[in-house]
Amino acid sequence: MSDKPRTVKQSGSLFGTLTEYAGKLNDAGFDYHAFLEKAHTKGFNVKWTKANIKELFDAVTMAMYNKTSSQLSTVEIQEAYLVFERHLSEQSGVSCRWHSLETQMLSSDNQWWDNSDKKKSDDESPDF
């Protein structure tokens, strides 16, 4: 397992993927608190947001590694996303592929991550 911290590209990919996931879950009619109610959490009717889906992802990373997503290695972030995506897709039927430079270039909405001010290097690409 690699001890290298997650890369800038992986950070952008994570936030882009989670943003897309939140939109898909909202479009499919899944309420955030209703979804969490299975985990004994109750609350108001709340839409999925970047913040609350990141909170859920961090719950996975804490359970797996006792780290927040910003503390994960390049390998850990990939492993955590696979667990997160599998659970969410099994519970909701909604899935979302990990964002990569390729999915960003194919997307007509490239607003999910603007890294134009940072130099991109090939050695920072996620292994997905």
N, C-alpha and C. Protein backbone atom coordinates (compact mmCIF):
# COMPACT_ATOMS: atom_id res chain seq x y z
N MET A 1 0.85 -1.19 0.00
CA MET A 1 0.00 0.00 0.00
C MET A 1 0.89 1.24 0.00
N SER A 2 0.49 2.21 -0.76
CA SER A 2 1.28 3.43 -0.91
C SER A 2 1.04 4.38 0.26
N ASP A 3 2.10 5.04 0.69
CA ASP A 3 1.98 6.04 1.73
C ASP A 3 1.89 7.45 1.17
N LYS A 4 1.88 7.58 -0.16
CA LYS A 4 1.81 8.90 -0.77
C LYS A 4 0.42 9.49 -0.51
N PRO A 5 0.35 10.78 -0.19
CA PRO A 5 -0.97 11.40 -0.03
C PRO A 5 -1.71 11.43 -1.36
N ARG A 6 -3.04 11.55 -1.27
CA ARG A 6 -3.81 11.60 -2.51
C ARG A 6 -3.35 12.78 -3.35
N THR A 7 -3.51 12.64 -4.64
CA THR A 7 -3.01 13.66 -5.55
C THR A 7 -4.04 14.77 -5.76
N VAL A 8 -3.62 15.86 -6.36
CA VAL A 8 -4.51 16.97 -6.69
C VAL A 8 -5.60 16.47 -7.64
N LYS A 9 -5.20 15.65 -8.61
CA LYS A 9 -6.19 15.11 -9.55
C LYS A 9 -7.19 14.22 -8.83
N GLN A 10 -6.73 13.42 -7.87
CA GLN A 10 -7.65 12.57 -7.12
C GLN A 10 -8.62 13.42 -6.30
N SER A 11 -8.14 14.52 -5.73
CA SER A 11 -9.03 15.42 -4.99
C SER A 11 -10.11 15.97 -5.91
N GLY A 12 -9.70 16.44 -7.07
CA GLY A 12 -10.67 16.96 -8.03
C GLY A 12 -11.64 15.90 -8.50
N SER A 13 -11.12 14.70 -8.74
CA SER A 13 -11.97 13.59 -9.16
C SER A 13 -12.98 13.23 -8.08
N LEU A 14 -12.53 13.20 -6.83
CA LEU A 14 -13.44 12.89 -5.72
C LEU A 14 -14.57 13.91 -5.65
N PHE A 15 -14.24 15.19 -5.65
CA PHE A 15 -15.27 16.21 -5.51
C PHE A 15 -16.20 16.25 -6.71
N GLY A 16 -15.66 16.01 -7.89
CA GLY A 16 -16.51 15.95 -9.08
C GLY A 16 -17.46 14.77 -9.04
N THR A 17 -16.93 13.63 -8.63
CA THR A 17 -17.74 12.42 -8.55
C THR A 17 -18.83 12.57 -7.49
N LEU A 18 -18.47 13.08 -6.32
CA LEU A 18 -19.46 13.25 -5.26
C LEU A 18 -20.53 14.26 -5.64
N THR A 19 -20.16 15.32 -6.35
CA THR A 19 -21.13 16.31 -6.81
C THR A 19 -22.12 15.67 -7.78
N GLU A 20 -21.59 14.88 -8.72
CA GLU A 20 -22.47 14.20 -9.67
C GLU A 20 -23.38 13.21 -8.94
N TYR A 21 -22.82 12.49 -7.97
CA TYR A 21 -23.61 11.52 -7.20
C TYR A 21 -24.77 12.21 -6.49
N ALA A 22 -24.49 13.34 -5.85
CA ALA A 22 -25.54 14.07 -5.14
C ALA A 22 -26.66 14.45 -6.10
N GLY A 23 -26.32 14.94 -7.27
CA GLY A 23 -27.33 15.30 -8.26
C GLY A 23 -28.15 14.11 -8.71
N LYS A 24 -27.49 12.98 -8.96
CA LYS A 24 -28.20 11.77 -9.39
C LYS A 24 -29.14 11.25 -8.30
N LEU A 25 -28.69 11.28 -7.05
CA LEU A 25 -29.54 10.82 -5.96
C LEU A 25 -30.76 11.73 -5.79
N ASN A 26 -30.56 13.04 -5.93
CA ASN A 26 -31.69 13.97 -5.89
C ASN A 26 -32.65 13.70 -7.04
N ASP A 27 -32.11 13.53 -8.25
CA ASP A 27 -32.95 13.28 -9.42
C ASP A 27 -33.74 11.98 -9.28
N ALA A 28 -33.17 10.99 -8.59
CA ALA A 28 -33.84 9.71 -8.40
C ALA A 28 -34.84 9.76 -7.25
N GLY A 29 -34.90 10.90 -6.54
CA GLY A 29 -35.89 11.07 -5.47
C GLY A 29 -35.47 10.56 -4.11
N PHE A 30 -34.19 10.33 -3.90
CA PHE A 30 -33.73 9.86 -2.60
C PHE A 30 -33.44 11.02 -1.68
N ASP A 31 -34.11 11.05 -0.55
CA ASP A 31 -33.89 12.06 0.48
C ASP A 31 -32.68 11.63 1.32
N TYR A 32 -31.81 12.57 1.63
CA TYR A 32 -30.59 12.28 2.38
C TYR A 32 -30.90 11.65 3.74
N HIS A 33 -31.77 12.27 4.52
CA HIS A 33 -32.05 11.74 5.86
C HIS A 33 -32.84 10.44 5.81
N ALA A 34 -33.73 10.31 4.84
CA ALA A 34 -34.45 9.04 4.69
C ALA A 34 -33.45 7.91 4.39
N PHE A 35 -32.47 8.22 3.58
CA PHE A 35 -31.44 7.24 3.25
C PHE A 35 -30.65 6.85 4.51
N LEU A 36 -30.32 7.84 5.31
CA LEU A 36 -29.54 7.57 6.53
C LEU A 36 -30.37 6.97 7.65
N GLU A 37 -31.69 7.04 7.53
CA GLU A 37 -32.56 6.51 8.58
C GLU A 37 -32.28 5.04 8.82
N LYS A 38 -31.88 4.33 7.79
CA LYS A 38 -31.52 2.92 7.96
C LYS A 38 -30.36 2.77 8.94
N ALA A 39 -29.58 3.82 9.07
CA ALA A 39 -28.47 3.82 10.03
C ALA A 39 -28.89 4.51 11.33
N HIS A 40 -30.20 4.57 11.56
CA HIS A 40 -30.77 5.14 12.78
C HIS A 40 -30.56 6.64 12.92
N THR A 41 -30.52 7.34 11.82
CA THR A 41 -30.43 8.79 11.83
C THR A 41 -31.76 9.34 11.34
N LYS A 42 -32.33 10.27 12.07
CA LYS A 42 -33.60 10.87 11.66
C LYS A 42 -33.40 12.36 11.47
N GLY A 43 -34.19 12.95 10.61
CA GLY A 43 -34.07 14.37 10.37
C GLY A 43 -35.14 14.87 9.43
N PHE A 44 -34.91 16.02 8.88
CA PHE A 44 -35.84 16.66 7.97
C PHE A 44 -35.61 16.19 6.55
N ASN A 45 -36.54 16.52 5.67
CA ASN A 45 -36.40 16.21 4.25
C ASN A 45 -35.30 17.11 3.68
N VAL A 46 -34.16 16.53 3.39
CA VAL A 46 -33.00 17.30 2.95
C VAL A 46 -32.48 16.71 1.65
N LYS A 47 -32.20 17.58 0.68
CA LYS A 47 -31.61 17.13 -0.58
C LYS A 47 -30.12 16.82 -0.37
N TRP A 48 -29.60 16.00 -1.29
CA TRP A 48 -28.18 15.70 -1.27
C TRP A 48 -27.40 16.93 -1.72
N THR A 49 -26.30 17.18 -1.05
CA THR A 49 -25.43 18.31 -1.39
C THR A 49 -23.99 17.81 -1.43
N LYS A 50 -23.10 18.66 -1.93
CA LYS A 50 -21.67 18.33 -1.90
C LYS A 50 -21.22 18.08 -0.46
N ALA A 51 -21.74 18.89 0.45
CA ALA A 51 -21.31 18.78 1.85
C ALA A 51 -21.79 17.50 2.51
N ASN A 52 -23.08 17.15 2.36
CA ASN A 52 -23.54 15.97 3.08
C ASN A 52 -23.09 14.66 2.43
N ILE A 53 -22.89 14.64 1.12
CA ILE A 53 -22.37 13.41 0.52
C ILE A 53 -20.90 13.23 0.87
N LYS A 54 -20.17 14.34 1.01
CA LYS A 54 -18.77 14.26 1.46
C LYS A 54 -18.72 13.76 2.90
N GLU A 55 -19.68 14.21 3.72
CA GLU A 55 -19.76 13.74 5.10
C GLU A 55 -19.97 12.22 5.14
N LEU A 56 -20.82 11.72 4.26
CA LEU A 56 -21.06 10.29 4.19
C LEU A 56 -19.80 9.55 3.71
N PHE A 57 -19.12 10.11 2.71
CA PHE A 57 -17.87 9.51 2.23
C PHE A 57 -16.84 9.49 3.36
N ASP A 58 -16.75 10.57 4.11
CA ASP A 58 -15.79 10.61 5.22
C ASP A 58 -16.14 9.60 6.31
N ALA A 59 -17.43 9.29 6.47
CA ALA A 59 -17.81 8.25 7.42
C ALA A 59 -17.23 6.90 6.99
N VAL A 60 -17.24 6.65 5.69
CA VAL A 60 -16.64 5.42 5.16
C VAL A 60 -15.13 5.42 5.39
N THR A 61 -14.48 6.54 5.08
CA THR A 61 -13.02 6.60 5.25
C THR A 61 -12.63 6.48 6.71
N MET A 62 -13.43 7.04 7.60
CA MET A 62 -13.13 6.91 9.03
C MET A 62 -13.30 5.47 9.49
N ALA A 63 -14.35 4.79 8.99
CA ALA A 63 -14.57 3.39 9.37
C ALA A 63 -13.46 2.49 8.84
N MET A 64 -12.99 2.79 7.64
CA MET A 64 -11.97 1.94 7.03
C MET A 64 -10.55 2.23 7.53
N TYR A 65 -10.23 3.52 7.69
CA TYR A 65 -8.84 3.91 7.94
C TYR A 65 -8.64 4.84 9.14
N ASN A 66 -9.73 5.24 9.76
CA ASN A 66 -9.67 6.22 10.84
C ASN A 66 -9.00 7.52 10.35
N LYS A 67 -9.35 7.91 9.11
CA LYS A 67 -8.83 9.13 8.49
C LYS A 67 -9.96 9.81 7.73
N THR A 68 -9.87 11.14 7.59
CA THR A 68 -10.78 11.83 6.69
C THR A 68 -10.26 11.63 5.26
N SER A 69 -11.09 11.95 4.28
CA SER A 69 -10.68 11.72 2.89
C SER A 69 -9.44 12.52 2.52
N SER A 70 -9.25 13.68 3.12
CA SER A 70 -8.07 14.50 2.79
C SER A 70 -6.78 13.90 3.32
N GLN A 71 -6.86 12.92 4.21
CA GLN A 71 -5.68 12.28 4.78
C GLN A 71 -5.34 10.95 4.10
N LEU A 72 -6.14 10.53 3.13
CA LEU A 72 -5.95 9.22 2.52
C LEU A 72 -4.78 9.18 1.54
N SER A 73 -4.20 8.02 1.42
CA SER A 73 -3.16 7.81 0.42
C SER A 73 -3.82 7.62 -0.94
N THR A 74 -2.99 7.53 -1.97
CA THR A 74 -3.50 7.34 -3.33
C THR A 74 -4.26 6.02 -3.46
N VAL A 75 -3.83 5.00 -2.77
CA VAL A 75 -4.50 3.71 -2.82
C VAL A 75 -5.74 3.72 -1.93
N GLU A 76 -5.64 4.27 -0.73
CA GLU A 76 -6.77 4.28 0.20
C GLU A 76 -7.99 5.01 -0.37
N ILE A 77 -7.77 6.12 -1.07
CA ILE A 77 -8.91 6.87 -1.61
C ILE A 77 -9.65 6.03 -2.65
N GLN A 78 -8.93 5.25 -3.42
CA GLN A 78 -9.55 4.37 -4.41
C GLN A 78 -10.34 3.25 -3.73
N GLU A 79 -9.73 2.63 -2.73
CA GLU A 79 -10.40 1.55 -2.01
C GLU A 79 -11.66 2.07 -1.30
N ALA A 80 -11.55 3.23 -0.68
CA ALA A 80 -12.70 3.80 0.03
C ALA A 80 -13.83 4.14 -0.93
N TYR A 81 -13.50 4.68 -2.10
CA TYR A 81 -14.55 5.01 -3.05
C TYR A 81 -15.26 3.75 -3.54
N LEU A 82 -14.54 2.66 -3.75
CA LEU A 82 -15.18 1.42 -4.18
C LEU A 82 -16.19 0.92 -3.15
N VAL A 83 -15.83 0.98 -1.87
CA VAL A 83 -16.75 0.57 -0.80
C VAL A 83 -17.95 1.52 -0.75
N PHE A 84 -17.69 2.82 -0.79
CA PHE A 84 -18.74 3.85 -0.76
C PHE A 84 -19.71 3.66 -1.93
N GLU A 85 -19.17 3.53 -3.13
CA GLU A 85 -20.00 3.41 -4.33
C GLU A 85 -20.82 2.12 -4.30
N ARG A 86 -20.22 1.02 -3.88
CA ARG A 86 -20.94 -0.25 -3.82
C ARG A 86 -22.12 -0.14 -2.85
N HIS A 87 -21.89 0.41 -1.68
CA HIS A 87 -22.96 0.54 -0.68
C HIS A 87 -24.07 1.45 -1.20
N LEU A 88 -23.70 2.61 -1.70
CA LEU A 88 -24.70 3.57 -2.17
C LEU A 88 -25.50 3.01 -3.34
N SER A 89 -24.84 2.35 -4.26
CA SER A 89 -25.56 1.81 -5.42
C SER A 89 -26.45 0.64 -5.03
N GLU A 90 -26.02 -0.18 -4.07
CA GLU A 90 -26.86 -1.29 -3.60
C GLU A 90 -28.11 -0.76 -2.90
N GLN A 91 -27.96 0.32 -2.14
CA GLN A 91 -29.09 0.86 -1.39
C GLN A 91 -30.04 1.70 -2.24
N SER A 92 -29.51 2.36 -3.27
CA SER A 92 -30.33 3.31 -4.02
C SER A 92 -30.55 2.93 -5.47
N GLY A 93 -29.72 2.07 -6.01
CA GLY A 93 -29.78 1.77 -7.43
C GLY A 93 -29.12 2.84 -8.28
N VAL A 94 -28.54 3.85 -7.63
CA VAL A 94 -27.87 4.94 -8.31
C VAL A 94 -26.37 4.72 -8.19
N SER A 95 -25.67 4.80 -9.32
CA SER A 95 -24.22 4.65 -9.27
C SER A 95 -23.57 5.80 -10.04
N CYS A 96 -22.32 6.00 -9.76
CA CYS A 96 -21.59 7.10 -10.39
C CYS A 96 -20.15 6.68 -10.55
N ARG A 97 -19.65 6.72 -11.78
CA ARG A 97 -18.25 6.38 -12.03
C ARG A 97 -17.34 7.44 -11.45
N TRP A 98 -16.16 7.00 -11.05
CA TRP A 98 -15.12 7.91 -10.56
C TRP A 98 -14.76 8.89 -11.67
N HIS A 99 -14.73 10.16 -11.36
CA HIS A 99 -14.35 11.16 -12.35
C HIS A 99 -12.86 11.07 -12.62
N SER A 100 -12.51 11.25 -13.86
CA SER A 100 -11.11 11.27 -14.26
C SER A 100 -10.95 12.40 -15.25
N LEU A 101 -9.75 12.64 -15.66
CA LEU A 101 -9.51 13.66 -16.67
C LEU A 101 -10.30 13.34 -17.93
N GLU A 102 -10.41 12.05 -18.27
CA GLU A 102 -11.15 11.64 -19.46
C GLU A 102 -12.64 11.98 -19.33
N THR A 103 -13.25 11.70 -18.16
CA THR A 103 -14.67 12.01 -18.01
C THR A 103 -14.90 13.51 -17.98
N GLN A 104 -13.92 14.26 -17.47
CA GLN A 104 -14.04 15.72 -17.47
C GLN A 104 -14.04 16.24 -18.91
N MET A 105 -13.16 15.70 -19.73
CA MET A 105 -13.07 16.17 -21.11
C MET A 105 -14.30 15.77 -21.92
N LEU A 106 -14.93 14.64 -21.60
CA LEU A 106 -16.12 14.18 -22.32
C LEU A 106 -17.38 14.90 -21.87
N SER A 107 -17.34 15.48 -20.67
CA SER A 107 -18.51 16.13 -20.12
C SER A 107 -18.73 17.50 -20.75
N SER A 108 -20.00 17.80 -21.01
CA SER A 108 -20.30 19.13 -21.54
C SER A 108 -20.34 20.16 -20.42
N ASP A 109 -20.42 19.68 -19.17
CA ASP A 109 -20.43 20.57 -18.01
C ASP A 109 -19.15 20.35 -17.24
N ASN A 110 -18.11 21.10 -17.56
CA ASN A 110 -16.81 20.93 -16.92
C ASN A 110 -16.66 21.77 -15.67
N GLN A 111 -17.74 22.19 -15.06
CA GLN A 111 -17.67 23.05 -13.89
C GLN A 111 -17.39 22.28 -12.61
N TRP A 112 -17.44 20.94 -12.64
CA TRP A 112 -17.27 20.17 -11.43
C TRP A 112 -15.89 20.36 -10.83
N TRP A 113 -14.92 20.68 -11.66
CA TRP A 113 -13.59 20.91 -11.11
C TRP A 113 -12.81 21.74 -12.10
N ASP A 114 -12.43 22.92 -11.70
CA ASP A 114 -11.64 23.77 -12.57
C ASP A 114 -10.25 23.86 -11.96
N ASN A 115 -9.33 23.21 -12.58
CA ASN A 115 -7.96 23.19 -12.08
C ASN A 115 -7.05 23.92 -13.07
N SER A 116 -7.60 24.91 -13.76
CA SER A 116 -6.85 25.59 -14.81
C SER A 116 -5.64 26.36 -14.27
N ASP A 117 -5.67 26.68 -12.99
CA ASP A 117 -4.55 27.43 -12.43
C ASP A 117 -3.44 26.53 -11.91
N LYS A 118 -3.64 25.22 -11.96
CA LYS A 118 -2.63 24.28 -11.46
C LYS A 118 -2.06 23.50 -12.64
N LYS A 119 -0.76 23.25 -12.59
CA LYS A 119 -0.11 22.45 -13.63
C LYS A 119 -0.52 20.99 -13.44
N LYS A 120 -0.96 20.36 -14.49
CA LYS A 120 -1.35 18.95 -14.43
C LYS A 120 -0.17 18.11 -14.88
N SER A 121 0.08 17.04 -14.17
CA SER A 121 1.17 16.16 -14.58
C SER A 121 0.65 14.73 -14.66
N ASP A 122 1.21 13.97 -15.57
CA ASP A 122 0.75 12.61 -15.79
C ASP A 122 0.94 11.71 -14.58
N ASP A 123 1.91 12.02 -13.73
CA ASP A 123 2.16 11.16 -12.58
C ASP A 123 1.14 11.35 -11.47
N GLU A 124 0.20 12.29 -11.62
CA GLU A 124 -0.82 12.50 -10.62
C GLU A 124 -2.14 11.83 -10.96
N SER A 125 -2.22 11.10 -12.05
CA SER A 125 -3.49 10.53 -12.45
C SER A 125 -3.89 9.39 -11.54
N PRO A 126 -5.21 9.30 -11.23
CA PRO A 126 -5.68 8.20 -10.37
C PRO A 126 -5.52 6.87 -11.11
N ASP A 127 -5.46 5.79 -10.37
CA ASP A 127 -5.30 4.47 -10.96
C ASP A 127 -6.61 3.89 -11.46
N PHE A 128 -7.71 4.61 -11.32
CA PHE A 128 -9.00 4.07 -11.78
C PHE A 128 -9.05 4.08 -13.27
